[in-house]
């Protein structure tokens, strides 16, 4: 049985409409599906950060941003490193064994770093997320003990940290400052946010 001219035109119209509808649905779906993918800004926010520390002098600290957090890079002097033995018995977690903010294996030491002279730490207090201030000068100062050896003071609630970012005992902050994954590409360049194992 052959189709009449009316049936053939209906069939052609139906096929054309179906194809047009499918193409329209595909074009509509592409932006919708792509909206589920992270934006370039979001990708960059979680990406590792490479830092040139060649100009960093002993006793100086720089701050870089990684994942929206301030990361401190402090080049400690020999005198600063010597204070860590004095504060060892005064800090709550001297060997960074607590698990709330896991410390990478290579930073579970007295200086909490790969290279003793370079501290890499997230500059956010583990109490309520404030940013501690530098208090590198030794001795009595407002809000600090008379035998202060240098470190960081969180002005919000008085938590204090030594020059390795270790929190002192009986302070509101429950943990040491976080040490992010990091590794050295050379003596003057480091990457924050990944390490050889990660």
C-alpha atoms as a PDB file:
ATOM      1  CA  UNK A   1       0.000   0.000   0.000  1.00  0.00           C
ATOM      2  CA  UNK A   2       1.527   3.314  -1.036  1.00  0.00           C
ATOM      3  CA  UNK A   3       1.457   6.536   0.936  1.00  0.00           C
ATOM      4  CA  UNK A   4      -0.707   9.357  -0.230  1.00  0.00           C
ATOM      5  CA  UNK A   5       0.969  12.747  -0.800  1.00  0.00           C
ATOM      6  CA  UNK A   6      -0.604  13.990   2.449  1.00  0.00           C
ATOM      7  CA  UNK A   7       0.882  11.081   4.486  1.00  0.00           C
ATOM      8  CA  UNK A   8       4.354  11.637   2.963  1.00  0.00           C
ATOM      9  CA  UNK A   9       4.321  15.341   3.820  1.00  0.00           C
ATOM     10  CA  UNK A  10       3.159  14.565   7.373  1.00  0.00           C
ATOM     11  CA  UNK A  11       5.964  12.040   7.771  1.00  0.00           C
ATOM     12  CA  UNK A  12       8.529  14.544   6.443  1.00  0.00           C
ATOM     13  CA  UNK A  13       7.172  17.235   8.762  1.00  0.00           C
ATOM     14  CA  UNK A  14       7.278  14.820  11.745  1.00  0.00           C
ATOM     15  CA  UNK A  15      10.893  13.782  11.022  1.00  0.00           C
ATOM     16  CA  UNK A  16      11.982  17.400  10.569  1.00  0.00           C
ATOM     17  CA  UNK A  17      10.248  18.458  13.795  1.00  0.00           C
ATOM     18  CA  UNK A  18      11.809  15.596  15.748  1.00  0.00           C
ATOM     19  CA  UNK A  19      15.302  16.421  14.438  1.00  0.00           C
ATOM     20  CA  UNK A  20      14.856  20.108  15.227  1.00  0.00           C
ATOM     21  CA  UNK A  21      13.611  19.265  18.736  1.00  0.00           C
ATOM     22  CA  UNK A  22      16.554  16.944  19.389  1.00  0.00           C
ATOM     23  CA  UNK A  23      19.039  19.565  18.189  1.00  0.00           C
ATOM     24  CA  UNK A  24      17.395  22.204  20.379  1.00  0.00           C
ATOM     25  CA  UNK A  25      17.513  19.912  23.404  1.00  0.00           C
ATOM     26  CA  UNK A  26      21.223  19.246  22.799  1.00  0.00           C
ATOM     27  CA  UNK A  27      22.008  22.961  22.546  1.00  0.00           C
ATOM     28  CA  UNK A  28      20.018  23.600  25.727  1.00  0.00           C
ATOM     29  CA  UNK A  29      21.722  20.752  27.605  1.00  0.00           C
ATOM     30  CA  UNK A  30      25.316  21.834  26.839  1.00  0.00           C
ATOM     31  CA  UNK A  31      25.287  25.018  28.965  1.00  0.00           C
ATOM     32  CA  UNK A  32      23.268  23.231  31.658  1.00  0.00           C
ATOM     33  CA  UNK A  33      25.744  20.344  31.914  1.00  0.00           C
ATOM     34  CA  UNK A  34      28.757  22.655  31.695  1.00  0.00           C
ATOM     35  CA  UNK A  35      27.378  24.630  34.639  1.00  0.00           C
ATOM     36  CA  UNK A  36      28.166  21.605  36.828  1.00  0.00           C
ATOM     37  CA  UNK A  37      31.877  21.839  35.998  1.00  0.00           C
ATOM     38  CA  UNK A  38      34.031  24.041  38.273  1.00  0.00           C
ATOM     39  CA  UNK A  39      34.803  27.513  36.971  1.00  0.00           C
ATOM     40  CA  UNK A  40      38.336  28.498  36.021  1.00  0.00           C
ATOM     41  CA  UNK A  41      38.479  30.575  39.196  1.00  0.00           C
ATOM     42  CA  UNK A  42      37.410  27.586  41.298  1.00  0.00           C
ATOM     43  CA  UNK A  43      40.010  25.375  39.615  1.00  0.00           C
ATOM     44  CA  UNK A  44      42.690  27.985  40.288  1.00  0.00           C
ATOM     45  CA  UNK A  45      41.616  28.301  43.930  1.00  0.00           C
ATOM     46  CA  UNK A  46      42.390  24.636  44.576  1.00  0.00           C
ATOM     47  CA  UNK A  47      45.465  24.419  42.386  1.00  0.00           C
ATOM     48  CA  UNK A  48      48.980  24.204  43.843  1.00  0.00           C
ATOM     49  CA  UNK A  49      50.811  27.529  44.145  1.00  0.00           C
ATOM     50  CA  UNK A  50      54.451  27.939  43.154  1.00  0.00           C
ATOM     51  CA  UNK A  51      56.423  30.487  45.188  1.00  0.00           C
ATOM     52  CA  UNK A  52      59.833  32.073  44.611  1.00  0.00           C
ATOM     53  CA  UNK A  53      61.535  32.502  47.993  1.00  0.00           C
ATOM     54  CA  UNK A  54      64.934  33.568  46.659  1.00  0.00           C
ATOM     55  CA  UNK A  55      64.532  37.133  48.023  1.00  0.00           C
ATOM     56  CA  UNK A  56      63.285  36.031  51.459  1.00  0.00           C
ATOM     57  CA  UNK A  57      65.810  37.080  54.088  1.00  0.00           C
ATOM     58  CA  UNK A  58      66.331  35.501  57.542  1.00  0.00           C
ATOM     59  CA  UNK A  59      63.716  36.881  59.942  1.00  0.00           C
ATOM     60  CA  UNK A  60      61.304  37.795  57.122  1.00  0.00           C
ATOM     61  CA  UNK A  61      57.865  36.381  56.381  1.00  0.00           C
ATOM     62  CA  UNK A  62      55.782  36.521  53.217  1.00  0.00           C
ATOM     63  CA  UNK A  63      52.134  35.556  52.756  1.00  0.00           C
ATOM     64  CA  UNK A  64      50.695  33.863  49.677  1.00  0.00           C
ATOM     65  CA  UNK A  65      47.147  32.725  48.985  1.00  0.00           C
ATOM     66  CA  UNK A  66      46.285  29.070  48.487  1.00  0.00           C
ATOM     67  CA  UNK A  67      42.700  27.775  48.375  1.00  0.00           C
ATOM     68  CA  UNK A  68      41.551  31.145  49.674  1.00  0.00           C
ATOM     69  CA  UNK A  69      43.751  30.829  52.780  1.00  0.00           C
ATOM     70  CA  UNK A  70      46.780  32.900  53.777  1.00  0.00           C
ATOM     71  CA  UNK A  71      49.897  30.737  53.827  1.00  0.00           C
ATOM     72  CA  UNK A  72      52.906  32.090  55.696  1.00  0.00           C
ATOM     73  CA  UNK A  73      56.452  31.392  54.611  1.00  0.00           C
ATOM     74  CA  UNK A  74      58.840  32.413  57.390  1.00  0.00           C
ATOM     75  CA  UNK A  75      62.614  32.194  57.020  1.00  0.00           C
ATOM     76  CA  UNK A  76      63.783  31.664  60.578  1.00  0.00           C
ATOM     77  CA  UNK A  77      67.128  32.835  61.894  1.00  0.00           C
ATOM     78  CA  UNK A  78      69.346  30.485  63.941  1.00  0.00           C
ATOM     79  CA  UNK A  79      68.208  32.428  67.027  1.00  0.00           C
ATOM     80  CA  UNK A  80      64.563  31.808  66.135  1.00  0.00           C
ATOM     81  CA  UNK A  81      65.210  28.094  65.703  1.00  0.00           C
ATOM     82  CA  UNK A  82      66.953  27.966  69.090  1.00  0.00           C
ATOM     83  CA  UNK A  83      63.762  29.182  70.811  1.00  0.00           C
ATOM     84  CA  UNK A  84      61.926  26.019  69.753  1.00  0.00           C
ATOM     85  CA  UNK A  85      63.838  23.923  72.298  1.00  0.00           C
ATOM     86  CA  UNK A  86      62.795  26.393  75.008  1.00  0.00           C
ATOM     87  CA  UNK A  87      59.106  26.235  74.074  1.00  0.00           C
ATOM     88  CA  UNK A  88      59.004  22.448  73.546  1.00  0.00           C
ATOM     89  CA  UNK A  89      57.675  21.776  77.057  1.00  0.00           C
ATOM     90  CA  UNK A  90      55.192  24.672  76.959  1.00  0.00           C
ATOM     91  CA  UNK A  91      53.261  23.765  73.810  1.00  0.00           C
ATOM     92  CA  UNK A  92      50.239  21.453  73.751  1.00  0.00           C
ATOM     93  CA  UNK A  93      51.318  19.209  70.861  1.00  0.00           C
ATOM     94  CA  UNK A  94      55.102  19.454  70.443  1.00  0.00           C
ATOM     95  CA  UNK A  95      55.357  16.608  67.909  1.00  0.00           C
ATOM     96  CA  UNK A  96      52.224  17.491  65.879  1.00  0.00           C
ATOM     97  CA  UNK A  97      50.517  14.183  66.654  1.00  0.00           C
ATOM     98  CA  UNK A  98      46.923  15.451  66.859  1.00  0.00           C
ATOM     99  CA  UNK A  99      44.732  14.467  63.940  1.00  0.00           C
ATOM    100  CA  UNK A 100      42.319  17.436  63.636  1.00  0.00           C
ATOM    101  CA  UNK A 101      44.750  19.178  61.299  1.00  0.00           C
ATOM    102  CA  UNK A 102      47.001  16.331  60.129  1.00  0.00           C
ATOM    103  CA  UNK A 103      50.597  17.410  59.685  1.00  0.00           C
ATOM    104  CA  UNK A 104      52.515  15.869  56.767  1.00  0.00           C
ATOM    105  CA  UNK A 105      55.024  13.257  57.900  1.00  0.00           C
ATOM    106  CA  UNK A 106      57.983  15.373  56.746  1.00  0.00           C
ATOM    107  CA  UNK A 107      56.874  18.205  59.071  1.00  0.00           C
ATOM    108  CA  UNK A 108      56.366  16.129  62.214  1.00  0.00           C
ATOM    109  CA  UNK A 109      59.479  17.438  63.861  1.00  0.00           C
ATOM    110  CA  UNK A 110      60.413  20.206  66.268  1.00  0.00           C
ATOM    111  CA  UNK A 111      60.654  22.858  63.549  1.00  0.00           C
ATOM    112  CA  UNK A 112      57.555  21.513  61.657  1.00  0.00           C
ATOM    113  CA  UNK A 113      59.149  21.889  58.258  1.00  0.00           C
ATOM    114  CA  UNK A 114      61.180  20.178  55.553  1.00  0.00           C
ATOM    115  CA  UNK A 115      64.037  22.671  55.904  1.00  0.00           C
ATOM    116  CA  UNK A 116      64.552  23.766  59.508  1.00  0.00           C
ATOM    117  CA  UNK A 117      64.900  27.434  58.611  1.00  0.00           C
ATOM    118  CA  UNK A 118      61.726  27.685  56.473  1.00  0.00           C
ATOM    119  CA  UNK A 119      58.279  27.416  58.076  1.00  0.00           C
ATOM    120  CA  UNK A 120      55.286  26.969  55.767  1.00  0.00           C
ATOM    121  CA  UNK A 121      52.002  27.281  57.683  1.00  0.00           C
ATOM    122  CA  UNK A 122      48.410  28.339  57.122  1.00  0.00           C
ATOM    123  CA  UNK A 123      47.969  31.649  58.934  1.00  0.00           C
ATOM    124  CA  UNK A 124      44.552  30.863  60.409  1.00  0.00           C
ATOM    125  CA  UNK A 125      43.993  30.219  64.112  1.00  0.00           C
ATOM    126  CA  UNK A 126      42.563  26.768  64.774  1.00  0.00           C
ATOM    127  CA  UNK A 127      40.116  28.225  67.309  1.00  0.00           C
ATOM    128  CA  UNK A 128      37.664  30.357  65.343  1.00  0.00           C
ATOM    129  CA  UNK A 129      39.510  31.144  62.136  1.00  0.00           C
ATOM    130  CA  UNK A 130      41.071  34.506  63.013  1.00  0.00           C
ATOM    131  CA  UNK A 131      44.479  35.419  61.629  1.00  0.00           C
ATOM    132  CA  UNK A 132      47.231  35.614  64.254  1.00  0.00           C
ATOM    133  CA  UNK A 133      49.684  38.520  64.313  1.00  0.00           C
ATOM    134  CA  UNK A 134      53.470  38.330  64.209  1.00  0.00           C
ATOM    135  CA  UNK A 135      55.102  38.750  67.602  1.00  0.00           C
ATOM    136  CA  UNK A 136      58.698  37.896  66.742  1.00  0.00           C
ATOM    137  CA  UNK A 137      60.307  40.169  69.353  1.00  0.00           C
ATOM    138  CA  UNK A 138      61.335  38.431  72.562  1.00  0.00           C
ATOM    139  CA  UNK A 139      60.396  39.602  76.053  1.00  0.00           C
ATOM    140  CA  UNK A 140      57.396  41.007  77.883  1.00  0.00           C
ATOM    141  CA  UNK A 141      54.735  42.650  75.733  1.00  0.00           C
ATOM    142  CA  UNK A 142      51.004  43.344  76.120  1.00  0.00           C
ATOM    143  CA  UNK A 143      48.968  40.096  76.100  1.00  0.00           C
ATOM    144  CA  UNK A 144      52.155  37.986  76.218  1.00  0.00           C
ATOM    145  CA  UNK A 145      54.150  36.360  79.056  1.00  0.00           C
ATOM    146  CA  UNK A 146      57.312  38.010  80.395  1.00  0.00           C
ATOM    147  CA  UNK A 147      59.479  35.164  79.065  1.00  0.00           C
ATOM    148  CA  UNK A 148      58.028  35.352  75.527  1.00  0.00           C
ATOM    149  CA  UNK A 149      60.413  33.752  73.019  1.00  0.00           C
ATOM    150  CA  UNK A 150      58.734  35.042  69.861  1.00  0.00           C
ATOM    151  CA  UNK A 151      55.912  33.627  67.785  1.00  0.00           C
ATOM    152  CA  UNK A 152      52.335  34.525  66.914  1.00  0.00           C
ATOM    153  CA  UNK A 153      49.423  35.963  68.907  1.00  0.00           C
ATOM    154  CA  UNK A 154      45.785  35.590  67.908  1.00  0.00           C
ATOM    155  CA  UNK A 155      44.229  38.879  69.042  1.00  0.00           C
ATOM    156  CA  UNK A 156      40.655  37.507  69.038  1.00  0.00           C
ATOM    157  CA  UNK A 157      40.895  35.223  72.080  1.00  0.00           C
ATOM    158  CA  UNK A 158      44.559  35.231  73.081  1.00  0.00           C
ATOM    159  CA  UNK A 159      45.859  31.980  71.630  1.00  0.00           C
ATOM    160  CA  UNK A 160      49.629  32.001  71.247  1.00  0.00           C
ATOM    161  CA  UNK A 161      51.843  29.957  68.941  1.00  0.00           C
ATOM    162  CA  UNK A 162      55.612  29.546  68.914  1.00  0.00           C
ATOM    163  CA  UNK A 163      57.834  30.109  65.873  1.00  0.00           C
ATOM    164  CA  UNK A 164      56.931  26.635  64.582  1.00  0.00           C
ATOM    165  CA  UNK A 165      53.196  27.390  64.761  1.00  0.00           C
ATOM    166  CA  UNK A 166      52.708  25.126  67.800  1.00  0.00           C
ATOM    167  CA  UNK A 167      49.928  26.279  70.138  1.00  0.00           C
ATOM    168  CA  UNK A 168      50.802  26.877  73.775  1.00  0.00           C
ATOM    169  CA  UNK A 169      49.045  24.864  76.484  1.00  0.00           C
ATOM    170  CA  UNK A 170      45.774  26.076  78.035  1.00  0.00           C
ATOM    171  CA  UNK A 171      44.831  28.333  75.136  1.00  0.00           C
ATOM    172  CA  UNK A 172      41.502  28.454  73.253  1.00  0.00           C
ATOM    173  CA  UNK A 173      43.032  27.137  70.009  1.00  0.00           C
ATOM    174  CA  UNK A 174      42.738  23.341  70.053  1.00  0.00           C
ATOM    175  CA  UNK A 175      45.550  22.621  67.637  1.00  0.00           C
ATOM    176  CA  UNK A 176      48.764  23.817  66.033  1.00  0.00           C
ATOM    177  CA  UNK A 177      48.645  25.946  62.892  1.00  0.00           C
ATOM    178  CA  UNK A 178      48.095  23.788  59.830  1.00  0.00           C
ATOM    179  CA  UNK A 179      51.121  22.847  57.731  1.00  0.00           C
ATOM    180  CA  UNK A 180      49.933  22.353  54.144  1.00  0.00           C
ATOM    181  CA  UNK A 181      51.411  19.807  51.770  1.00  0.00           C
ATOM    182  CA  UNK A 182      54.412  21.382  50.107  1.00  0.00           C
ATOM    183  CA  UNK A 183      57.651  20.490  48.380  1.00  0.00           C
ATOM    184  CA  UNK A 184      60.759  22.189  47.037  1.00  0.00           C
ATOM    185  CA  UNK A 185      61.441  22.408  43.314  1.00  0.00           C
ATOM    186  CA  UNK A 186      64.844  23.970  44.067  1.00  0.00           C
ATOM    187  CA  UNK A 187      66.512  25.859  46.918  1.00  0.00           C
ATOM    188  CA  UNK A 188      64.595  28.989  45.939  1.00  0.00           C
ATOM    189  CA  UNK A 189      61.244  27.651  44.686  1.00  0.00           C
ATOM    190  CA  UNK A 190      58.573  25.718  46.513  1.00  0.00           C
ATOM    191  CA  UNK A 191      55.101  24.455  45.682  1.00  0.00           C
ATOM    192  CA  UNK A 192      52.256  24.715  48.180  1.00  0.00           C
ATOM    193  CA  UNK A 193      49.408  22.252  47.815  1.00  0.00           C
ATOM    194  CA  UNK A 194      51.197  19.119  46.694  1.00  0.00           C
ATOM    195  CA  UNK A 195      54.169  16.990  47.556  1.00  0.00           C
ATOM    196  CA  UNK A 196      56.003  14.109  45.933  1.00  0.00           C
ATOM    197  CA  UNK A 197      53.655  11.586  47.533  1.00  0.00           C
ATOM    198  CA  UNK A 198      50.443  13.584  46.980  1.00  0.00           C
END
